[in-house]
Amino acid sequence: MSDCIAVFETTHETLRAEEFFRAQKVPFRPVLRPRGLGASCRMALRFAEEELEKARKAVAEGNLVLKSFHRFDGGAWVKI
């Protein structure tokens, strides 16, 4: 399986997301947002693809402002 990232609108929202990812037991690490993915925030949360459903639940429960989820596929980040 490949890795995924969650891109949020702001740095503040990314920091809030860390709390909800921890609550859902989604192992993640903060990373710099890859270029070309948009959003004003330069950070993203990277996690394993098998954790995607828990990550979606964390976003919903936290009422977080998510820009997008992306999967690393074929050497590029693809929106999912």
N, C-alpha and C. Protein backbone atom coordinates (compact mmCIF):
# COMPACT_ATOMS: atom_id res chain seq x y z
N MET A 1 0.84 -1.19 0.00
CA MET A 1 0.00 0.00 0.00
C MET A 1 0.88 1.25 0.00
N SER A 2 0.31 2.32 -0.49
CA SER A 2 1.07 3.56 -0.55
C SER A 2 0.66 4.50 0.58
N ASP A 3 1.31 5.63 0.61
CA ASP A 3 1.01 6.64 1.62
C ASP A 3 -0.03 7.62 1.09
N CYS A 4 -0.71 8.27 2.02
CA CYS A 4 -1.67 9.32 1.72
C CYS A 4 -1.29 10.56 2.51
N ILE A 5 -1.81 11.70 2.07
CA ILE A 5 -1.67 12.93 2.84
C ILE A 5 -3.03 13.61 2.92
N ALA A 6 -3.21 14.32 4.00
CA ALA A 6 -4.38 15.17 4.19
C ALA A 6 -3.89 16.61 4.16
N VAL A 7 -4.47 17.40 3.28
CA VAL A 7 -4.09 18.81 3.13
C VAL A 7 -5.24 19.66 3.66
N PHE A 8 -4.91 20.55 4.58
CA PHE A 8 -5.91 21.42 5.20
C PHE A 8 -5.72 22.86 4.74
N GLU A 9 -6.75 23.68 4.90
CA GLU A 9 -6.72 25.06 4.43
C GLU A 9 -5.68 25.93 5.14
N THR A 10 -5.49 25.72 6.43
CA THR A 10 -4.59 26.58 7.20
C THR A 10 -3.69 25.74 8.10
N THR A 11 -2.61 26.35 8.55
CA THR A 11 -1.72 25.69 9.50
C THR A 11 -2.46 25.40 10.79
N HIS A 12 -3.28 26.33 11.23
CA HIS A 12 -4.06 26.13 12.46
C HIS A 12 -4.94 24.89 12.33
N GLU A 13 -5.57 24.72 11.18
CA GLU A 13 -6.45 23.56 10.97
C GLU A 13 -5.63 22.26 10.95
N THR A 14 -4.44 22.31 10.39
CA THR A 14 -3.56 21.13 10.38
C THR A 14 -3.18 20.75 11.81
N LEU A 15 -2.87 21.73 12.63
CA LEU A 15 -2.52 21.45 14.02
C LEU A 15 -3.72 20.89 14.78
N ARG A 16 -4.91 21.41 14.51
CA ARG A 16 -6.12 20.85 15.12
C ARG A 16 -6.33 19.40 14.66
N ALA A 17 -6.06 19.14 13.40
CA ALA A 17 -6.25 17.80 12.84
C ALA A 17 -5.38 16.77 13.56
N GLU A 18 -4.20 17.17 13.97
CA GLU A 18 -3.32 16.24 14.69
C GLU A 18 -4.03 15.66 15.91
N GLU A 19 -4.74 16.49 16.63
CA GLU A 19 -5.47 16.05 17.83
C GLU A 19 -6.51 14.99 17.47
N PHE A 20 -7.26 15.21 16.40
CA PHE A 20 -8.31 14.27 16.01
C PHE A 20 -7.74 13.00 15.39
N PHE A 21 -6.62 13.10 14.68
CA PHE A 21 -5.96 11.90 14.16
C PHE A 21 -5.48 11.04 15.33
N ARG A 22 -4.93 11.67 16.35
CA ARG A 22 -4.49 10.90 17.53
C ARG A 22 -5.68 10.22 18.20
N ALA A 23 -6.79 10.92 18.33
CA ALA A 23 -7.98 10.36 18.98
C ALA A 23 -8.50 9.14 18.22
N GLN A 24 -8.36 9.14 16.89
CA GLN A 24 -8.80 8.00 16.07
C GLN A 24 -7.69 6.95 15.90
N LYS A 25 -6.55 7.20 16.57
CA LYS A 25 -5.40 6.30 16.51
C LYS A 25 -4.89 6.11 15.08
N VAL A 26 -4.81 7.22 14.35
CA VAL A 26 -4.24 7.22 13.01
C VAL A 26 -2.77 7.60 13.14
N PRO A 27 -1.85 6.66 12.90
CA PRO A 27 -0.43 7.02 12.93
C PRO A 27 -0.14 7.99 11.78
N PHE A 28 0.49 9.10 12.06
CA PHE A 28 0.77 10.11 11.04
C PHE A 28 2.07 10.81 11.37
N ARG A 29 2.53 11.58 10.39
CA ARG A 29 3.63 12.49 10.66
C ARG A 29 3.38 13.78 9.87
N PRO A 30 3.65 14.91 10.49
CA PRO A 30 3.50 16.18 9.77
C PRO A 30 4.61 16.29 8.73
N VAL A 31 4.26 16.77 7.55
CA VAL A 31 5.22 16.93 6.46
C VAL A 31 4.94 18.26 5.76
N LEU A 32 5.90 18.71 4.96
CA LEU A 32 5.65 19.87 4.12
C LEU A 32 4.72 19.47 2.99
N ARG A 33 3.75 20.30 2.71
CA ARG A 33 2.80 20.02 1.63
C ARG A 33 3.55 19.99 0.30
N PRO A 34 3.37 18.93 -0.49
CA PRO A 34 4.01 18.89 -1.81
C PRO A 34 3.53 20.05 -2.68
N ARG A 35 4.42 20.57 -3.48
CA ARG A 35 4.06 21.68 -4.37
C ARG A 35 2.97 21.27 -5.33
N GLY A 36 2.16 22.21 -5.71
CA GLY A 36 1.12 21.97 -6.70
C GLY A 36 -0.18 21.43 -6.15
N LEU A 37 -0.28 21.24 -4.83
CA LEU A 37 -1.51 20.70 -4.27
C LEU A 37 -2.44 21.78 -3.74
N GLY A 38 -2.05 23.03 -3.86
CA GLY A 38 -2.92 24.12 -3.44
C GLY A 38 -2.96 24.29 -1.93
N ALA A 39 -3.83 25.11 -1.46
CA ALA A 39 -4.03 25.45 -0.04
C ALA A 39 -3.00 26.47 0.42
N SER A 40 -3.40 27.28 1.36
CA SER A 40 -2.50 28.30 1.88
C SER A 40 -1.55 27.73 2.92
N CYS A 41 -1.88 26.57 3.45
CA CYS A 41 -1.04 25.93 4.46
C CYS A 41 0.13 25.21 3.79
N ARG A 42 1.28 25.29 4.40
CA ARG A 42 2.45 24.60 3.85
C ARG A 42 2.67 23.24 4.49
N MET A 43 1.79 22.85 5.40
CA MET A 43 1.92 21.56 6.07
C MET A 43 0.84 20.60 5.59
N ALA A 44 1.10 19.30 5.81
CA ALA A 44 0.12 18.26 5.55
C ALA A 44 0.37 17.14 6.55
N LEU A 45 -0.57 16.22 6.67
CA LEU A 45 -0.38 15.06 7.53
C LEU A 45 -0.28 13.83 6.63
N ARG A 46 0.82 13.09 6.80
CA ARG A 46 1.07 11.89 5.99
C ARG A 46 0.77 10.65 6.82
N PHE A 47 0.10 9.67 6.19
CA PHE A 47 -0.29 8.45 6.89
C PHE A 47 -0.41 7.32 5.88
N ALA A 48 -0.48 6.09 6.38
CA ALA A 48 -0.60 4.92 5.51
C ALA A 48 -1.99 4.85 4.90
N GLU A 49 -2.07 4.39 3.67
CA GLU A 49 -3.35 4.31 2.96
C GLU A 49 -4.39 3.47 3.71
N GLU A 50 -3.94 2.43 4.40
CA GLU A 50 -4.90 1.59 5.13
C GLU A 50 -5.58 2.33 6.28
N GLU A 51 -5.09 3.50 6.63
CA GLU A 51 -5.69 4.32 7.69
C GLU A 51 -6.65 5.37 7.14
N LEU A 52 -6.92 5.35 5.84
CA LEU A 52 -7.72 6.40 5.21
C LEU A 52 -9.11 6.55 5.82
N GLU A 53 -9.80 5.46 6.06
CA GLU A 53 -11.16 5.57 6.62
C GLU A 53 -11.14 6.19 8.02
N LYS A 54 -10.15 5.82 8.83
CA LYS A 54 -10.04 6.43 10.16
C LYS A 54 -9.70 7.91 10.04
N ALA A 55 -8.88 8.27 9.04
CA ALA A 55 -8.55 9.68 8.82
C ALA A 55 -9.80 10.46 8.41
N ARG A 56 -10.62 9.87 7.55
CA ARG A 56 -11.87 10.53 7.14
C ARG A 56 -12.78 10.74 8.35
N LYS A 57 -12.83 9.74 9.22
CA LYS A 57 -13.65 9.85 10.43
C LYS A 57 -13.13 10.96 11.33
N ALA A 58 -11.81 11.06 11.47
CA ALA A 58 -11.21 12.11 12.30
C ALA A 58 -11.58 13.49 11.76
N VAL A 59 -11.52 13.65 10.43
CA VAL A 59 -11.88 14.93 9.81
C VAL A 59 -13.34 15.26 10.08
N ALA A 60 -14.22 14.28 9.93
CA ALA A 60 -15.65 14.50 10.15
C ALA A 60 -15.94 14.83 11.61
N GLU A 61 -15.37 14.06 12.53
CA GLU A 61 -15.64 14.29 13.95
C GLU A 61 -15.10 15.62 14.43
N GLY A 62 -13.98 16.05 13.85
CA GLY A 62 -13.41 17.33 14.25
C GLY A 62 -14.00 18.51 13.51
N ASN A 63 -14.91 18.23 12.54
CA ASN A 63 -15.47 19.29 11.71
C ASN A 63 -14.35 20.15 11.13
N LEU A 64 -13.32 19.47 10.61
CA LEU A 64 -12.13 20.13 10.11
C LEU A 64 -12.33 20.62 8.68
N VAL A 65 -11.64 21.70 8.33
CA VAL A 65 -11.71 22.24 6.97
C VAL A 65 -10.60 21.58 6.15
N LEU A 66 -10.98 20.51 5.48
CA LEU A 66 -10.04 19.73 4.66
C LEU A 66 -10.02 20.28 3.25
N LYS A 67 -8.83 20.48 2.71
CA LYS A 67 -8.70 20.85 1.30
C LYS A 67 -8.85 19.60 0.44
N SER A 68 -8.08 18.53 0.78
CA SER A 68 -8.16 17.30 0.00
C SER A 68 -7.31 16.20 0.62
N PHE A 69 -7.63 14.97 0.22
CA PHE A 69 -6.79 13.81 0.49
C PHE A 69 -6.10 13.45 -0.82
N HIS A 70 -4.85 12.98 -0.72
CA HIS A 70 -4.09 12.54 -1.90
C HIS A 70 -3.39 11.23 -1.58
N ARG A 71 -3.22 10.40 -2.62
CA ARG A 71 -2.49 9.13 -2.51
C ARG A 71 -1.25 9.24 -3.41
N PHE A 72 -0.13 8.71 -2.91
CA PHE A 72 1.09 8.69 -3.72
C PHE A 72 1.00 7.51 -4.67
N ASP A 73 0.95 7.80 -5.97
CA ASP A 73 0.73 6.76 -6.97
C ASP A 73 1.56 7.07 -8.21
N GLY A 74 2.45 6.15 -8.57
CA GLY A 74 3.24 6.33 -9.79
C GLY A 74 4.16 7.53 -9.75
N GLY A 75 4.67 7.85 -8.58
CA GLY A 75 5.61 8.96 -8.45
C GLY A 75 4.97 10.33 -8.32
N ALA A 76 3.65 10.37 -8.17
CA ALA A 76 2.96 11.65 -8.04
C ALA A 76 1.83 11.53 -7.03
N TRP A 77 1.42 12.67 -6.48
CA TRP A 77 0.28 12.71 -5.56
C TRP A 77 -1.00 12.87 -6.37
N VAL A 78 -1.93 11.93 -6.18
CA VAL A 78 -3.19 11.91 -6.92
C VAL A 78 -4.33 12.16 -5.93
N LYS A 79 -5.21 13.10 -6.27
CA LYS A 79 -6.34 13.42 -5.39
C LYS A 79 -7.30 12.24 -5.33
N ILE A 80 -7.77 11.95 -4.09
CA ILE A 80 -8.72 10.85 -3.93
C ILE A 80 -9.99 11.36 -3.27
